[in-house]
Amino acid sequence: MYSNGRHTLVSVVATVAMVVMTVLLAAWFPGQPAAPEPQPAALIGIAPGR
């Protein structure tokens, strides 16, 4: 019984995490209409430190 309950909890948490990530991505795109992919470009530009 514990195994089943734990599996269900993990499944729900994973689903919620995916939904949150999707919402964050959806919120990012309209916020940066100038560039179609501002996140990867910013990460790549910050990573090397120039």
N, C-alpha and C. Protein backbone atom coordinates (compact mmCIF):
# COMPACT_ATOMS: atom_id res chain seq x y z
N MET A 1 0.84 -1.20 0.00
CA MET A 1 0.00 0.00 0.00
C MET A 1 0.88 1.26 0.00
N TYR A 2 1.90 1.25 0.84
CA TYR A 2 2.78 2.42 0.90
C TYR A 2 3.41 2.69 -0.46
N SER A 3 3.84 1.60 -1.12
CA SER A 3 4.48 1.76 -2.44
C SER A 3 3.53 2.46 -3.41
N ASN A 4 2.28 2.01 -3.42
CA ASN A 4 1.30 2.60 -4.34
C ASN A 4 1.10 4.08 -4.01
N GLY A 5 0.94 4.40 -2.74
CA GLY A 5 0.73 5.80 -2.35
C GLY A 5 1.93 6.65 -2.72
N ARG A 6 3.12 6.13 -2.48
CA ARG A 6 4.33 6.90 -2.80
C ARG A 6 4.40 7.14 -4.30
N HIS A 7 4.08 6.09 -5.10
CA HIS A 7 4.14 6.24 -6.56
C HIS A 7 3.16 7.32 -7.03
N THR A 8 1.96 7.31 -6.45
CA THR A 8 0.96 8.32 -6.85
C THR A 8 1.46 9.72 -6.50
N LEU A 9 2.05 9.85 -5.32
CA LEU A 9 2.55 11.17 -4.89
C LEU A 9 3.64 11.65 -5.85
N VAL A 10 4.55 10.75 -6.20
CA VAL A 10 5.64 11.12 -7.12
C VAL A 10 5.06 11.53 -8.47
N SER A 11 4.05 10.79 -8.93
CA SER A 11 3.43 11.10 -10.22
C SER A 11 2.80 12.49 -10.19
N VAL A 12 2.10 12.79 -9.11
CA VAL A 12 1.44 14.10 -8.99
C VAL A 12 2.49 15.21 -8.95
N VAL A 13 3.55 15.00 -8.18
CA VAL A 13 4.61 16.01 -8.08
C VAL A 13 5.25 16.24 -9.44
N ALA A 14 5.51 15.16 -10.18
CA ALA A 14 6.13 15.29 -11.51
C ALA A 14 5.20 16.07 -12.44
N THR A 15 3.90 15.77 -12.38
CA THR A 15 2.95 16.47 -13.24
C THR A 15 2.91 17.96 -12.90
N VAL A 16 2.88 18.26 -11.61
CA VAL A 16 2.84 19.67 -11.19
C VAL A 16 4.11 20.38 -11.65
N ALA A 17 5.26 19.72 -11.52
CA ALA A 17 6.52 20.33 -11.93
C ALA A 17 6.50 20.65 -13.42
N MET A 18 5.98 19.71 -14.24
CA MET A 18 5.93 19.94 -15.69
C MET A 18 4.99 21.11 -15.99
N VAL A 19 3.86 21.17 -15.30
CA VAL A 19 2.91 22.26 -15.54
C VAL A 19 3.54 23.60 -15.18
N VAL A 20 4.25 23.63 -14.05
CA VAL A 20 4.89 24.88 -13.62
C VAL A 20 5.92 25.31 -14.65
N MET A 21 6.74 24.37 -15.13
CA MET A 21 7.76 24.71 -16.13
C MET A 21 7.10 25.24 -17.40
N THR A 22 5.99 24.59 -17.81
CA THR A 22 5.30 25.04 -19.02
C THR A 22 4.77 26.45 -18.84
N VAL A 23 4.20 26.72 -17.67
CA VAL A 23 3.66 28.07 -17.41
C VAL A 23 4.79 29.09 -17.42
N LEU A 24 5.93 28.74 -16.82
CA LEU A 24 7.06 29.68 -16.79
C LEU A 24 7.53 29.96 -18.22
N LEU A 25 7.64 28.93 -19.04
CA LEU A 25 8.07 29.13 -20.43
C LEU A 25 7.06 30.01 -21.16
N ALA A 26 5.78 29.76 -20.96
CA ALA A 26 4.74 30.55 -21.62
C ALA A 26 4.82 32.01 -21.18
N ALA A 27 5.16 32.23 -19.91
CA ALA A 27 5.27 33.61 -19.40
C ALA A 27 6.53 34.29 -19.94
N TRP A 28 7.60 33.50 -20.18
CA TRP A 28 8.86 34.08 -20.67
C TRP A 28 8.72 34.54 -22.12
N PHE A 29 8.10 33.71 -22.98
CA PHE A 29 8.03 34.04 -24.41
C PHE A 29 7.41 35.40 -24.68
N PRO A 30 6.20 35.70 -24.17
CA PRO A 30 5.60 37.01 -24.44
C PRO A 30 6.40 38.14 -23.79
N GLY A 31 7.11 37.84 -22.72
CA GLY A 31 7.90 38.87 -22.05
C GLY A 31 9.09 39.30 -22.90
N GLN A 32 9.57 38.41 -23.79
CA GLN A 32 10.73 38.73 -24.63
C GLN A 32 10.37 38.50 -26.10
N PRO A 33 9.54 39.37 -26.69
CA PRO A 33 9.13 39.17 -28.09
C PRO A 33 10.25 39.50 -29.06
N ALA A 34 11.26 40.24 -28.63
CA ALA A 34 12.34 40.65 -29.53
C ALA A 34 13.11 39.42 -30.01
N ALA A 35 13.41 38.49 -29.10
CA ALA A 35 14.18 37.30 -29.48
C ALA A 35 13.33 36.05 -29.27
N PRO A 36 13.35 35.13 -30.23
CA PRO A 36 12.55 33.91 -30.10
C PRO A 36 13.10 32.98 -29.02
N GLU A 37 14.41 33.05 -28.74
CA GLU A 37 15.01 32.19 -27.71
C GLU A 37 15.96 33.01 -26.84
N PRO A 38 15.41 33.85 -25.96
CA PRO A 38 16.25 34.72 -25.13
C PRO A 38 16.94 33.96 -24.00
N GLN A 39 16.29 32.90 -23.50
CA GLN A 39 16.88 32.16 -22.38
C GLN A 39 18.22 31.52 -22.75
N PRO A 40 18.28 30.66 -23.77
CA PRO A 40 19.57 30.02 -24.09
C PRO A 40 20.64 31.05 -24.44
N ALA A 41 20.28 32.09 -25.17
CA ALA A 41 21.26 33.10 -25.56
C ALA A 41 21.82 33.78 -24.32
N ALA A 42 20.96 34.12 -23.37
CA ALA A 42 21.42 34.78 -22.14
C ALA A 42 22.30 33.84 -21.33
N LEU A 43 21.89 32.57 -21.23
CA LEU A 43 22.69 31.61 -20.46
C LEU A 43 24.06 31.44 -21.10
N ILE A 44 24.10 31.30 -22.43
CA ILE A 44 25.38 31.11 -23.13
C ILE A 44 26.25 32.35 -22.97
N GLY A 45 25.63 33.53 -23.02
CA GLY A 45 26.41 34.77 -22.90
C GLY A 45 26.95 34.95 -21.49
N ILE A 46 26.19 34.51 -20.48
CA ILE A 46 26.63 34.68 -19.09
C ILE A 46 27.65 33.61 -18.71
N ALA A 47 27.48 32.40 -19.24
CA ALA A 47 28.35 31.28 -18.84
C ALA A 47 29.84 31.58 -19.07
N PRO A 48 30.26 31.96 -20.28
CA PRO A 48 31.70 32.18 -20.52
C PRO A 48 32.24 33.37 -19.73
N GLY A 49 31.40 34.33 -19.37
CA GLY A 49 31.86 35.48 -18.62
C GLY A 49 32.53 36.50 -19.52
N ARG A 50 32.68 36.20 -20.78
CA ARG A 50 33.26 37.13 -21.77
C ARG A 50 34.64 37.56 -21.29
